[in-house]
Amino acid sequence: MKEQLTSYHVPVMLNESVEGLHIRPEGIYVDVTFGGGGHSAAILNRLNDKGRLYGFDQDADTEQNIPSDTRFVFVRSNFRYLYNFMRYHQVDGRVDGIFADLGVSSHHFDTKERGFSFRFDGCLDMRMNTRSGRTAAGVLNTYTEEALGHVFYRYGELKAARNLAAVLVRARNAKKIETIEDLLELLKPFTGKDKEKKILAQVFQALRIEVNDELCALKEMLQHTLPILKPGGRLVVITYHSLEDRMVKSFMRTGNVEGKMEQDFYGNVYTPFRLVNHKVIVPPEDEVQRNPRSRSAKLRIAEKVAQNEGGL
């Protein structure tokens, strides 16, 4: 089983993440990004017979990694529905820790049919849930020029977003953009050898975020952690790009992704969390060498405080 999990996805900052959850053997925990199951396996190893772990994933491919363990409950869903399912399982307000690894798994990047990587040719899919939703090809061939430009600018932080959108719209009028090779050919004027990988990564990131509505889903999931976690419960999140990291950082500091400080009648600042690590945790150099895909990872940990402890 361990070999299967590792081949599917190498868990990033495994020890740091599990330590951050401060696991109680009889506690209730949620891994909202089950994926290859590596982090879930490490959490289960620290639970006793009374402990419980709920694992969320919307991707059918992850179901091959479900452990045969009575303490584990698999939830076939996007983590944006966290509150609904925790309420269904009657554990809302009683969860001791929630973990999220927001990175795309090695399985997704290395399976050419999924369309997540520009290393392979294939269909422009990029759906985390292949059972529903629009594909990257659908976005490229149906969005208006303005909407496409917005996607590339906001989610890919591309300076040439508008020009890129204009080129793609002109091209699709002559022939649909259906494969990764089609897209790469159209991107050539925007990439040079010195920045090719960076530009391609930004374009593919932008499309993936849009296809899967990742930032809205993340916002909803984060908001749902508040009524689910018990006082003293931990929220542990690994991010991989600045857009999601800013949201997580703001949420842990203020209780909302916008970073707006709330004050009571007397001007006391309210925050539902206590930061466990004031300085972001990054992978050690030896881990980056073993797993280069971990190089952009950032780990943040916060602990929910009791209501009467929120004022500073």
C-alpha atoms as a PDB file:
ATOM      1  CA  MET A   1       0.000   0.000   0.000  1.00  0.00           C
ATOM      2  CA  LYS A   2       2.810   2.419   0.896  1.00  0.00           C
ATOM      3  CA  GLU A   3       4.444   1.902  -2.526  1.00  0.00           C
ATOM      4  CA  GLN A   4       1.117   2.568  -4.265  1.00  0.00           C
ATOM      5  CA  LEU A   5       0.553   5.807  -2.329  1.00  0.00           C
ATOM      6  CA  THR A   6       4.072   7.048  -3.068  1.00  0.00           C
ATOM      7  CA  SER A   7       3.746   6.342  -6.795  1.00  0.00           C
ATOM      8  CA  TYR A   8       0.423   8.203  -6.887  1.00  0.00           C
ATOM      9  CA  HIS A   9       1.729  11.240  -5.027  1.00  0.00           C
ATOM     10  CA  VAL A  10       4.677  11.985  -2.760  1.00  0.00           C
ATOM     11  CA  PRO A  11       3.255  13.710   0.343  1.00  0.00           C
ATOM     12  CA  VAL A  12       4.829  17.104   0.957  1.00  0.00           C
ATOM     13  CA  MET A  13       6.108  18.114   4.421  1.00  0.00           C
ATOM     14  CA  LEU A  14       4.532  14.982   5.845  1.00  0.00           C
ATOM     15  CA  ASN A  15       6.053  15.129   9.325  1.00  0.00           C
ATOM     16  CA  GLU A  16       5.603  18.890   9.664  1.00  0.00           C
ATOM     17  CA  SER A  17       1.923  18.621   8.662  1.00  0.00           C
ATOM     18  CA  VAL A  18       1.083  15.796  11.031  1.00  0.00           C
ATOM     19  CA  GLU A  19       2.980  17.440  13.887  1.00  0.00           C
ATOM     20  CA  GLY A  20       1.065  20.644  13.162  1.00  0.00           C
ATOM     21  CA  LEU A  21      -2.261  18.869  13.705  1.00  0.00           C
ATOM     22  CA  HIS A  22      -1.163  18.058  17.275  1.00  0.00           C
ATOM     23  CA  ILE A  23      -3.087  14.795  17.040  1.00  0.00           C
ATOM     24  CA  ARG A  24      -5.056  13.388  19.941  1.00  0.00           C
ATOM     25  CA  PRO A  25      -5.247   9.568  19.600  1.00  0.00           C
ATOM     26  CA  GLU A  26      -9.023   9.542  20.191  1.00  0.00           C
ATOM     27  CA  GLY A  27      -9.688  12.680  18.112  1.00  0.00           C
ATOM     28  CA  ILE A  28     -11.698  13.400  14.974  1.00  0.00           C
ATOM     29  CA  TYR A  29      -9.765  14.645  11.939  1.00  0.00           C
ATOM     30  CA  VAL A  30     -10.473  15.591   8.329  1.00  0.00           C
ATOM     31  CA  ASP A  31      -8.144  15.364   5.333  1.00  0.00           C
ATOM     32  CA  VAL A  32      -9.992  17.454   2.752  1.00  0.00           C
ATOM     33  CA  THR A  33      -7.488  16.568   0.000  1.00  0.00           C
ATOM     34  CA  PHE A  34      -7.166  12.781   0.313  1.00  0.00           C
ATOM     35  CA  GLY A  35      -5.437  12.234  -3.059  1.00  0.00           C
ATOM     36  CA  GLY A  36      -2.797   9.532  -2.731  1.00  0.00           C
ATOM     37  CA  GLY A  37      -3.649   9.052   0.923  1.00  0.00           C
ATOM     38  CA  GLY A  38      -0.130   9.672   2.210  1.00  0.00           C
ATOM     39  CA  HIS A  39      -1.061  12.289   4.799  1.00  0.00           C
ATOM     40  CA  SER A  40      -4.177  10.322   5.763  1.00  0.00           C
ATOM     41  CA  ALA A  41      -2.074   7.205   6.419  1.00  0.00           C
ATOM     42  CA  ALA A  42       0.229   9.187   8.704  1.00  0.00           C
ATOM     43  CA  ILE A  43      -2.759  10.595  10.623  1.00  0.00           C
ATOM     44  CA  LEU A  44      -4.316   7.137  11.015  1.00  0.00           C
ATOM     45  CA  ASN A  45      -1.029   5.858  12.430  1.00  0.00           C
ATOM     46  CA  ARG A  46      -1.465   8.255  15.352  1.00  0.00           C
ATOM     47  CA  LEU A  47      -5.096   7.457  16.121  1.00  0.00           C
ATOM     48  CA  ASN A  48      -6.324   4.782  18.495  1.00  0.00           C
ATOM     49  CA  ASP A  49      -9.457   2.644  18.028  1.00  0.00           C
ATOM     50  CA  LYS A  50     -11.699   5.545  19.058  1.00  0.00           C
ATOM     51  CA  GLY A  51     -10.147   8.035  16.639  1.00  0.00           C
ATOM     52  CA  ARG A  52     -11.786   8.893  13.318  1.00  0.00           C
ATOM     53  CA  LEU A  53     -10.535  10.336  10.022  1.00  0.00           C
ATOM     54  CA  TYR A  54     -12.707  11.648   7.185  1.00  0.00           C
ATOM     55  CA  GLY A  55     -11.083  11.957   3.764  1.00  0.00           C
ATOM     56  CA  PHE A  56     -12.519  14.153   0.983  1.00  0.00           C
ATOM     57  CA  ASP A  57     -11.800  13.840  -2.733  1.00  0.00           C
ATOM     58  CA  GLN A  58     -13.863  14.468  -5.851  1.00  0.00           C
ATOM     59  CA  ASP A  59     -11.546  12.567  -8.206  1.00  0.00           C
ATOM     60  CA  ALA A  60     -12.607   8.984  -8.952  1.00  0.00           C
ATOM     61  CA  ASP A  61      -8.955   7.969  -9.453  1.00  0.00           C
ATOM     62  CA  THR A  62      -8.220   8.509  -5.750  1.00  0.00           C
ATOM     63  CA  GLU A  63     -10.641   5.779  -4.716  1.00  0.00           C
ATOM     64  CA  GLN A  64      -7.974   3.166  -5.463  1.00  0.00           C
ATOM     65  CA  ASN A  65      -6.085   4.560  -2.454  1.00  0.00           C
ATOM     66  CA  ILE A  66      -8.883   4.213   0.126  1.00  0.00           C
ATOM     67  CA  PRO A  67      -7.454   2.321   3.130  1.00  0.00           C
ATOM     68  CA  SER A  68      -9.186  -0.728   4.537  1.00  0.00           C
ATOM     69  CA  ASP A  69      -9.596   0.802   7.983  1.00  0.00           C
ATOM     70  CA  THR A  70     -12.798   1.079  10.010  1.00  0.00           C
ATOM     71  CA  ARG A  71     -11.589   4.394  11.456  1.00  0.00           C
ATOM     72  CA  PHE A  72     -11.555   5.979   7.983  1.00  0.00           C
ATOM     73  CA  VAL A  73     -14.580   7.412   6.154  1.00  0.00           C
ATOM     74  CA  PHE A  74     -14.175   8.417   2.514  1.00  0.00           C
ATOM     75  CA  VAL A  75     -16.319  11.302   1.240  1.00  0.00           C
ATOM     76  CA  ARG A  76     -16.696  11.456  -2.559  1.00  0.00           C
ATOM     77  CA  SER A  77     -17.038  15.209  -2.806  1.00  0.00           C
ATOM     78  CA  ASN A  78     -15.356  18.544  -3.403  1.00  0.00           C
ATOM     79  CA  PHE A  79     -14.124  19.987  -0.115  1.00  0.00           C
ATOM     80  CA  ARG A  80     -16.306  23.051  -0.660  1.00  0.00           C
ATOM     81  CA  TYR A  81     -19.132  20.927   0.805  1.00  0.00           C
ATOM     82  CA  LEU A  82     -17.175  20.215   3.988  1.00  0.00           C
ATOM     83  CA  TYR A  83     -19.801  21.576   6.368  1.00  0.00           C
ATOM     84  CA  ASN A  84     -22.694  19.676   4.766  1.00  0.00           C
ATOM     85  CA  PHE A  85     -20.953  16.311   5.058  1.00  0.00           C
ATOM     86  CA  MET A  86     -19.589  16.873   8.548  1.00  0.00           C
ATOM     87  CA  ARG A  87     -23.092  17.801   9.646  1.00  0.00           C
ATOM     88  CA  TYR A  88     -24.427  14.678   7.915  1.00  0.00           C
ATOM     89  CA  HIS A  89     -21.927  12.577   9.877  1.00  0.00           C
ATOM     90  CA  GLN A  90     -22.917  14.491  13.047  1.00  0.00           C
ATOM     91  CA  VAL A  91     -19.406  15.677  13.886  1.00  0.00           C
ATOM     92  CA  ASP A  92     -19.744  19.416  13.147  1.00  0.00           C
ATOM     93  CA  GLY A  93     -18.323  21.401  16.034  1.00  0.00           C
ATOM     94  CA  ARG A  94     -16.397  18.371  17.308  1.00  0.00           C
ATOM     95  CA  VAL A  95     -13.491  18.117  14.857  1.00  0.00           C
ATOM     96  CA  ASP A  96      -9.967  18.270  16.331  1.00  0.00           C
ATOM     97  CA  GLY A  97      -8.091  19.037  13.143  1.00  0.00           C
ATOM     98  CA  ILE A  98      -8.499  19.771   9.432  1.00  0.00           C
ATOM     99  CA  PHE A  99      -5.709  19.259   6.916  1.00  0.00           C
ATOM    100  CA  ALA A 100      -5.470  20.468   3.306  1.00  0.00           C
ATOM    101  CA  ASP A 101      -2.706  19.976   0.736  1.00  0.00           C
ATOM    102  CA  LEU A 102      -3.778  22.245  -2.128  1.00  0.00           C
ATOM    103  CA  GLY A 103      -1.238  20.978  -4.637  1.00  0.00           C
ATOM    104  CA  VAL A 104      -2.028  19.018  -7.773  1.00  0.00           C
ATOM    105  CA  SER A 105      -0.966  15.394  -7.292  1.00  0.00           C
ATOM    106  CA  SER A 106       1.890  13.777  -9.196  1.00  0.00           C
ATOM    107  CA  HIS A 107      -0.707  11.374 -10.602  1.00  0.00           C
ATOM    108  CA  HIS A 108      -2.514  14.254 -12.299  1.00  0.00           C
ATOM    109  CA  PHE A 109       0.644  15.776 -13.734  1.00  0.00           C
ATOM    110  CA  ASP A 110       1.973  12.430 -14.936  1.00  0.00           C
ATOM    111  CA  THR A 111      -1.245  11.085 -16.511  1.00  0.00           C
ATOM    112  CA  LYS A 112      -1.321  12.611 -19.989  1.00  0.00           C
ATOM    113  CA  GLU A 113      -5.016  11.861 -20.475  1.00  0.00           C
ATOM    114  CA  ARG A 114      -5.889  14.277 -17.672  1.00  0.00           C
ATOM    115  CA  GLY A 115      -4.349  17.230 -19.536  1.00  0.00           C
ATOM    116  CA  PHE A 116      -2.734  18.939 -16.547  1.00  0.00           C
ATOM    117  CA  SER A 117       0.822  19.030 -17.904  1.00  0.00           C
ATOM    118  CA  PHE A 118       2.328  20.694 -20.963  1.00  0.00           C
ATOM    119  CA  ARG A 119       4.898  17.862 -21.087  1.00  0.00           C
ATOM    120  CA  PHE A 120       2.463  15.637 -22.974  1.00  0.00           C
ATOM    121  CA  ASP A 121       0.099  15.987 -25.882  1.00  0.00           C
ATOM    122  CA  GLY A 122      -3.506  15.065 -25.284  1.00  0.00           C
ATOM    123  CA  CYS A 123      -6.942  16.505 -24.648  1.00  0.00           C
ATOM    124  CA  LEU A 124      -7.227  19.806 -22.804  1.00  0.00           C
ATOM    125  CA  ASP A 125      -9.244  18.440 -19.893  1.00  0.00           C
ATOM    126  CA  MET A 126      -7.833  19.566 -16.490  1.00  0.00           C
ATOM    127  CA  ARG A 127     -10.926  18.540 -14.518  1.00  0.00           C
ATOM    128  CA  MET A 128     -10.314  17.250 -11.003  1.00  0.00           C
ATOM    129  CA  ASN A 129     -13.723  15.630 -11.198  1.00  0.00           C
ATOM    130  CA  THR A 130     -13.958  13.941 -14.594  1.00  0.00           C
ATOM    131  CA  ARG A 131     -17.605  13.097 -13.966  1.00  0.00           C
ATOM    132  CA  SER A 132     -18.805  16.675 -14.356  1.00  0.00           C
ATOM    133  CA  GLY A 133     -17.940  20.255 -15.257  1.00  0.00           C
ATOM    134  CA  ARG A 134     -16.338  22.130 -18.126  1.00  0.00           C
ATOM    135  CA  THR A 135     -12.939  21.247 -19.564  1.00  0.00           C
ATOM    136  CA  ALA A 136     -10.004  23.514 -20.395  1.00  0.00           C
ATOM    137  CA  ALA A 137     -10.879  23.115 -24.083  1.00  0.00           C
ATOM    138  CA  GLY A 138     -14.382  24.301 -23.274  1.00  0.00           C
ATOM    139  CA  VAL A 139     -13.004  27.420 -21.602  1.00  0.00           C
ATOM    140  CA  LEU A 140     -10.661  28.189 -24.498  1.00  0.00           C
ATOM    141  CA  ASN A 141     -13.319  27.721 -27.170  1.00  0.00           C
ATOM    142  CA  THR A 142     -16.365  29.367 -25.560  1.00  0.00           C
ATOM    143  CA  TYR A 143     -15.213  32.216 -23.305  1.00  0.00           C
ATOM    144  CA  THR A 144     -15.290  35.734 -24.685  1.00  0.00           C
ATOM    145  CA  GLU A 145     -11.994  37.471 -25.334  1.00  0.00           C
ATOM    146  CA  GLU A 146     -12.537  39.651 -22.264  1.00  0.00           C
ATOM    147  CA  ALA A 147     -13.336  36.666 -20.041  1.00  0.00           C
ATOM    148  CA  LEU A 148     -10.290  34.746 -21.261  1.00  0.00           C
ATOM    149  CA  GLY A 149      -8.073  37.745 -20.617  1.00  0.00           C
ATOM    150  CA  HIS A 150      -9.465  37.989 -17.102  1.00  0.00           C
ATOM    151  CA  VAL A 151      -8.690  34.305 -16.428  1.00  0.00           C
ATOM    152  CA  PHE A 152      -5.082  34.621 -17.605  1.00  0.00           C
ATOM    153  CA  TYR A 153      -4.508  37.887 -15.752  1.00  0.00           C
ATOM    154  CA  ARG A 154      -6.144  36.973 -12.464  1.00  0.00           C
ATOM    155  CA  TYR A 155      -5.241  33.295 -12.133  1.00  0.00           C
ATOM    156  CA  GLY A 156      -2.017  33.159 -14.144  1.00  0.00           C
ATOM    157  CA  GLU A 157      -0.801  36.685 -13.333  1.00  0.00           C
ATOM    158  CA  LEU A 158       0.254  37.011 -16.978  1.00  0.00           C
ATOM    159  CA  LYS A 159       1.241  40.490 -18.157  1.00  0.00           C
ATOM    160  CA  ALA A 160       0.304  39.663 -21.754  1.00  0.00           C
ATOM    161  CA  ALA A 161      -3.108  38.290 -20.761  1.00  0.00           C
ATOM    162  CA  ARG A 162      -5.145  40.480 -23.121  1.00  0.00           C
ATOM    163  CA  ASN A 163      -2.908  39.868 -26.121  1.00  0.00           C
ATOM    164  CA  LEU A 164      -2.906  36.150 -25.441  1.00  0.00           C
ATOM    165  CA  ALA A 165      -6.698  36.068 -25.236  1.00  0.00           C
ATOM    166  CA  ALA A 166      -6.979  37.953 -28.543  1.00  0.00           C
ATOM    167  CA  VAL A 167      -4.643  35.501 -30.307  1.00  0.00           C
ATOM    168  CA  LEU A 168      -6.558  32.479 -28.997  1.00  0.00           C
ATOM    169  CA  VAL A 169      -9.949  33.870 -30.017  1.00  0.00           C
ATOM    170  CA  ARG A 170      -8.722  34.610 -33.555  1.00  0.00           C
ATOM    171  CA  ALA A 171      -7.219  31.138 -33.829  1.00  0.00           C
ATOM    172  CA  ARG A 172     -10.314  29.289 -32.623  1.00  0.00           C
ATOM    173  CA  ASN A 173     -12.449  31.058 -35.220  1.00  0.00           C
ATOM    174  CA  ALA A 174     -10.486  29.155 -37.837  1.00  0.00           C
ATOM    175  CA  LYS A 175     -10.019  25.884 -35.918  1.00  0.00           C
ATOM    176  CA  LYS A 176     -11.079  24.725 -32.456  1.00  0.00           C
ATOM    177  CA  ILE A 177      -8.342  24.497 -29.809  1.00  0.00           C
ATOM    178  CA  GLU A 178      -8.727  20.871 -28.751  1.00  0.00           C
ATOM    179  CA  THR A 179      -5.334  19.483 -27.749  1.00  0.00           C
ATOM    180  CA  ILE A 180      -2.350  20.535 -25.670  1.00  0.00           C
ATOM    181  CA  GLU A 181      -0.281  20.642 -28.865  1.00  0.00           C
ATOM    182  CA  ASP A 182      -2.799  23.062 -30.402  1.00  0.00           C
ATOM    183  CA  LEU A 183      -2.410  25.378 -27.416  1.00  0.00           C
ATOM    184  CA  LEU A 184       1.386  25.130 -27.248  1.00  0.00           C
ATOM    185  CA  GLU A 185       1.657  26.104 -30.909  1.00  0.00           C
ATOM    186  CA  LEU A 186      -0.417  29.234 -30.280  1.00  0.00           C
ATOM    187  CA  LEU A 187       1.648  30.140 -27.224  1.00  0.00           C
ATOM    188  CA  LYS A 188       5.002  30.142 -29.054  1.00  0.00           C
ATOM    189  CA  PRO A 189       4.970  33.923 -29.787  1.00  0.00           C
ATOM    190  CA  PHE A 190       4.651  34.571 -26.043  1.00  0.00           C
ATOM    191  CA  THR A 191       7.476  32.317 -24.868  1.00  0.00           C
ATOM    192  CA  GLY A 192      11.202  32.443 -25.333  1.00  0.00           C
ATOM    193  CA  LYS A 193      13.640  29.738 -24.294  1.00  0.00           C
ATOM    194  CA  ASP A 194      14.540  31.659 -21.151  1.00  0.00           C
ATOM    195  CA  LYS A 195      10.964  31.922 -19.874  1.00  0.00           C
ATOM    196  CA  GLU A 196       9.088  29.197 -21.745  1.00  0.00           C
ATOM    197  CA  LYS A 197       8.415  26.921 -18.765  1.00  0.00           C
ATOM    198  CA  LYS A 198       7.354  29.815 -16.566  1.00  0.00           C
ATOM    199  CA  ILE A 199       4.836  31.184 -19.082  1.00  0.00           C
ATOM    200  CA  LEU A 200       3.440  27.736 -19.857  1.00  0.00           C
ATOM    201  CA  ALA A 201       3.088  26.999 -16.142  1.00  0.00           C
ATOM    202  CA  GLN A 202       1.188  30.273 -15.649  1.00  0.00           C
ATOM    203  CA  VAL A 203      -1.176  29.563 -18.558  1.00  0.00           C
ATOM    204  CA  PHE A 204      -1.901  26.005 -17.418  1.00  0.00           C
ATOM    205  CA  GLN A 205      -2.360  27.145 -13.806  1.00  0.00           C
ATOM    206  CA  ALA A 206      -4.860  29.789 -14.881  1.00  0.00           C
ATOM    207  CA  LEU A 207      -6.889  27.314 -16.920  1.00  0.00           C
ATOM    208  CA  ARG A 208      -6.829  24.686 -14.167  1.00  0.00           C
ATOM    209  CA  ILE A 209      -8.012  27.156 -11.536  1.00  0.00           C
ATOM    210  CA  GLU A 210     -10.856  28.310 -13.769  1.00  0.00           C
ATOM    211  CA  VAL A 211     -11.926  24.800 -14.813  1.00  0.00           C
ATOM    212  CA  ASN A 212     -12.126  23.630 -11.202  1.00  0.00           C
ATOM    213  CA  ASP A 213     -13.297  26.916  -9.645  1.00  0.00           C
ATOM    214  CA  GLU A 214     -10.451  26.410  -7.188  1.00  0.00           C
ATOM    215  CA  LEU A 215     -10.351  29.751  -5.416  1.00  0.00           C
ATOM    216  CA  CYS A 216     -14.100  29.910  -4.766  1.00  0.00           C
ATOM    217  CA  ALA A 217     -14.022  26.318  -3.526  1.00  0.00           C
ATOM    218  CA  LEU A 218     -11.095  27.158  -1.235  1.00  0.00           C
ATOM    219  CA  LYS A 219     -12.912  30.179   0.173  1.00  0.00           C
ATOM    220  CA  GLU A 220     -15.993  28.095   0.948  1.00  0.00           C
ATOM    221  CA  MET A 221     -13.959  25.316   2.543  1.00  0.00           C
ATOM    222  CA  LEU A 222     -12.045  27.724   4.763  1.00  0.00           C
ATOM    223  CA  GLN A 223     -15.255  29.383   5.929  1.00  0.00           C
ATOM    224  CA  HIS A 224     -16.704  25.976   6.792  1.00  0.00           C
ATOM    225  CA  THR A 225     -13.808  25.159   9.107  1.00  0.00           C
ATOM    226  CA  LEU A 226     -15.062  27.665  11.686  1.00  0.00           C
ATOM    227  CA  PRO A 227     -18.299  25.904  12.705  1.00  0.00           C
ATOM    228  CA  ILE A 228     -16.688  22.453  12.344  1.00  0.00           C
ATOM    229  CA  LEU A 229     -13.553  22.848  14.454  1.00  0.00           C
ATOM    230  CA  LYS A 230     -13.836  22.666  18.226  1.00  0.00           C
ATOM    231  CA  PRO A 231     -11.954  25.238  20.348  1.00  0.00           C
ATOM    232  CA  GLY A 232      -8.339  24.152  20.328  1.00  0.00           C
ATOM    233  CA  GLY A 233      -8.774  22.393  16.974  1.00  0.00           C
ATOM    234  CA  ARG A 234      -6.058  22.897  14.376  1.00  0.00           C
ATOM    235  CA  LEU A 235      -6.247  24.022  10.734  1.00  0.00           C
ATOM    236  CA  VAL A 236      -3.178  22.946   8.734  1.00  0.00           C
ATOM    237  CA  VAL A 237      -2.865  24.021   5.078  1.00  0.00           C
ATOM    238  CA  ILE A 238      -0.169  23.605   2.430  1.00  0.00           C
ATOM    239  CA  THR A 239      -0.339  26.082  -0.473  1.00  0.00           C
ATOM    240  CA  TYR A 240       1.630  26.234  -3.735  1.00  0.00           C
ATOM    241  CA  HIS A 241       1.009  29.627  -5.315  1.00  0.00           C
ATOM    242  CA  SER A 242       0.515  33.178  -4.105  1.00  0.00           C
ATOM    243  CA  LEU A 243      -3.210  33.408  -4.880  1.00  0.00           C
ATOM    244  CA  GLU A 244      -4.231  30.602  -2.541  1.00  0.00           C
ATOM    245  CA  ASP A 245      -1.527  31.392   0.012  1.00  0.00           C
ATOM    246  CA  ARG A 246      -2.790  34.963   0.444  1.00  0.00           C
ATOM    247  CA  MET A 247      -6.292  33.629   1.062  1.00  0.00           C
ATOM    248  CA  VAL A 248      -5.123  31.109   3.666  1.00  0.00           C
ATOM    249  CA  LYS A 249      -2.851  33.641   5.388  1.00  0.00           C
ATOM    250  CA  SER A 250      -5.645  36.222   5.582  1.00  0.00           C
ATOM    251  CA  PHE A 251      -8.170  33.674   6.824  1.00  0.00           C
ATOM    252  CA  MET A 252      -5.936  32.452   9.617  1.00  0.00           C
ATOM    253  CA  ARG A 253      -5.196  36.006  10.716  1.00  0.00           C
ATOM    254  CA  THR A 254      -8.705  37.449  10.535  1.00  0.00           C
ATOM    255  CA  GLY A 255     -11.264  34.685   9.983  1.00  0.00           C
ATOM    256  CA  ASN A 256     -12.024  35.811   6.409  1.00  0.00           C
ATOM    257  CA  VAL A 257     -10.124  35.508   3.118  1.00  0.00           C
ATOM    258  CA  GLU A 258     -10.333  39.250   2.463  1.00  0.00           C
ATOM    259  CA  GLY A 259      -8.194  39.942   5.545  1.00  0.00           C
ATOM    260  CA  LYS A 260     -10.710  42.392   7.043  1.00  0.00           C
ATOM    261  CA  MET A 261     -10.202  42.904  10.763  1.00  0.00           C
ATOM    262  CA  GLU A 262     -13.403  42.722  12.796  1.00  0.00           C
ATOM    263  CA  GLN A 263     -13.759  44.731  15.989  1.00  0.00           C
ATOM    264  CA  ASP A 264     -16.284  44.679  18.815  1.00  0.00           C
ATOM    265  CA  PHE A 265     -18.047  47.717  20.292  1.00  0.00           C
ATOM    266  CA  TYR A 266     -14.971  48.542  22.393  1.00  0.00           C
ATOM    267  CA  GLY A 267     -12.554  48.341  19.473  1.00  0.00           C
ATOM    268  CA  ASN A 268     -11.084  44.984  20.416  1.00  0.00           C
ATOM    269  CA  VAL A 269      -9.914  43.047  17.358  1.00  0.00           C
ATOM    270  CA  TYR A 270     -11.614  39.688  16.925  1.00  0.00           C
ATOM    271  CA  THR A 271      -9.907  36.728  15.336  1.00  0.00           C
ATOM    272  CA  PRO A 272     -11.113  33.111  15.600  1.00  0.00           C
ATOM    273  CA  PHE A 273      -7.590  31.691  15.335  1.00  0.00           C
ATOM    274  CA  ARG A 274      -4.268  31.752  17.108  1.00  0.00           C
ATOM    275  CA  LEU A 275      -1.346  31.428  14.706  1.00  0.00           C
ATOM    276  CA  VAL A 276       0.796  28.437  15.627  1.00  0.00           C
ATOM    277  CA  ASN A 277       3.567  29.350  13.188  1.00  0.00           C
ATOM    278  CA  HIS A 278       3.966  33.100  12.723  1.00  0.00           C
ATOM    279  CA  LYS A 279       6.644  32.419  10.106  1.00  0.00           C
ATOM    280  CA  VAL A 280       5.590  30.265   7.163  1.00  0.00           C
ATOM    281  CA  ILE A 281       7.098  26.754   7.048  1.00  0.00           C
ATOM    282  CA  VAL A 282       8.788  25.624   3.817  1.00  0.00           C
ATOM    283  CA  PRO A 283      10.257  22.237   2.859  1.00  0.00           C
ATOM    284  CA  PRO A 284      13.853  21.553   3.907  1.00  0.00           C
ATOM    285  CA  GLU A 285      16.427  21.497   1.129  1.00  0.00           C
ATOM    286  CA  ASP A 286      16.820  17.712   1.196  1.00  0.00           C
ATOM    287  CA  GLU A 287      13.065  17.279   0.606  1.00  0.00           C
ATOM    288  CA  VAL A 288      13.136  19.681  -2.346  1.00  0.00           C
ATOM    289  CA  GLN A 289      15.997  17.674  -3.834  1.00  0.00           C
ATOM    290  CA  ARG A 290      14.047  14.409  -3.411  1.00  0.00           C
ATOM    291  CA  ASN A 291      10.763  15.920  -4.585  1.00  0.00           C
ATOM    292  CA  PRO A 292      11.261  19.059  -6.756  1.00  0.00           C
ATOM    293  CA  ARG A 293       7.485  19.595  -6.914  1.00  0.00           C
ATOM    294  CA  SER A 294       7.576  20.576  -3.234  1.00  0.00           C
ATOM    295  CA  ARG A 295       9.792  23.625  -3.849  1.00  0.00           C
ATOM    296  CA  SER A 296       6.928  26.161  -3.875  1.00  0.00           C
ATOM    297  CA  ALA A 297       5.045  24.651  -0.914  1.00  0.00           C
ATOM    298  CA  LYS A 298       4.187  26.767   2.125  1.00  0.00           C
ATOM    299  CA  LEU A 299       2.733  25.357   5.331  1.00  0.00           C
ATOM    300  CA  ARG A 300       0.555  27.409   7.677  1.00  0.00           C
ATOM    301  CA  ILE A 301      -0.957  26.280  10.975  1.00  0.00           C
ATOM    302  CA  ALA A 302      -3.619  27.926  13.127  1.00  0.00           C
ATOM    303  CA  GLU A 303      -5.582  26.902  16.212  1.00  0.00           C
ATOM    304  CA  LYS A 304      -9.185  27.842  16.830  1.00  0.00           C
ATOM    305  CA  VAL A 305      -9.666  29.836  20.028  1.00  0.00           C
ATOM    306  CA  ALA A 306     -12.636  29.826  22.376  1.00  0.00           C
ATOM    307  CA  GLN A 307     -15.139  32.648  21.723  1.00  0.00           C
ATOM    308  CA  ASN A 308     -14.131  34.601  24.788  1.00  0.00           C
ATOM    309  CA  GLU A 309     -10.468  34.456  23.717  1.00  0.00           C
ATOM    310  CA  GLY A 310     -11.010  36.162  20.341  1.00  0.00           C
ATOM    311  CA  GLY A 311     -10.297  39.721  21.466  1.00  0.00           C
ATOM    312  CA  LEU A 312      -6.701  40.876  21.463  1.00  0.00           C
END
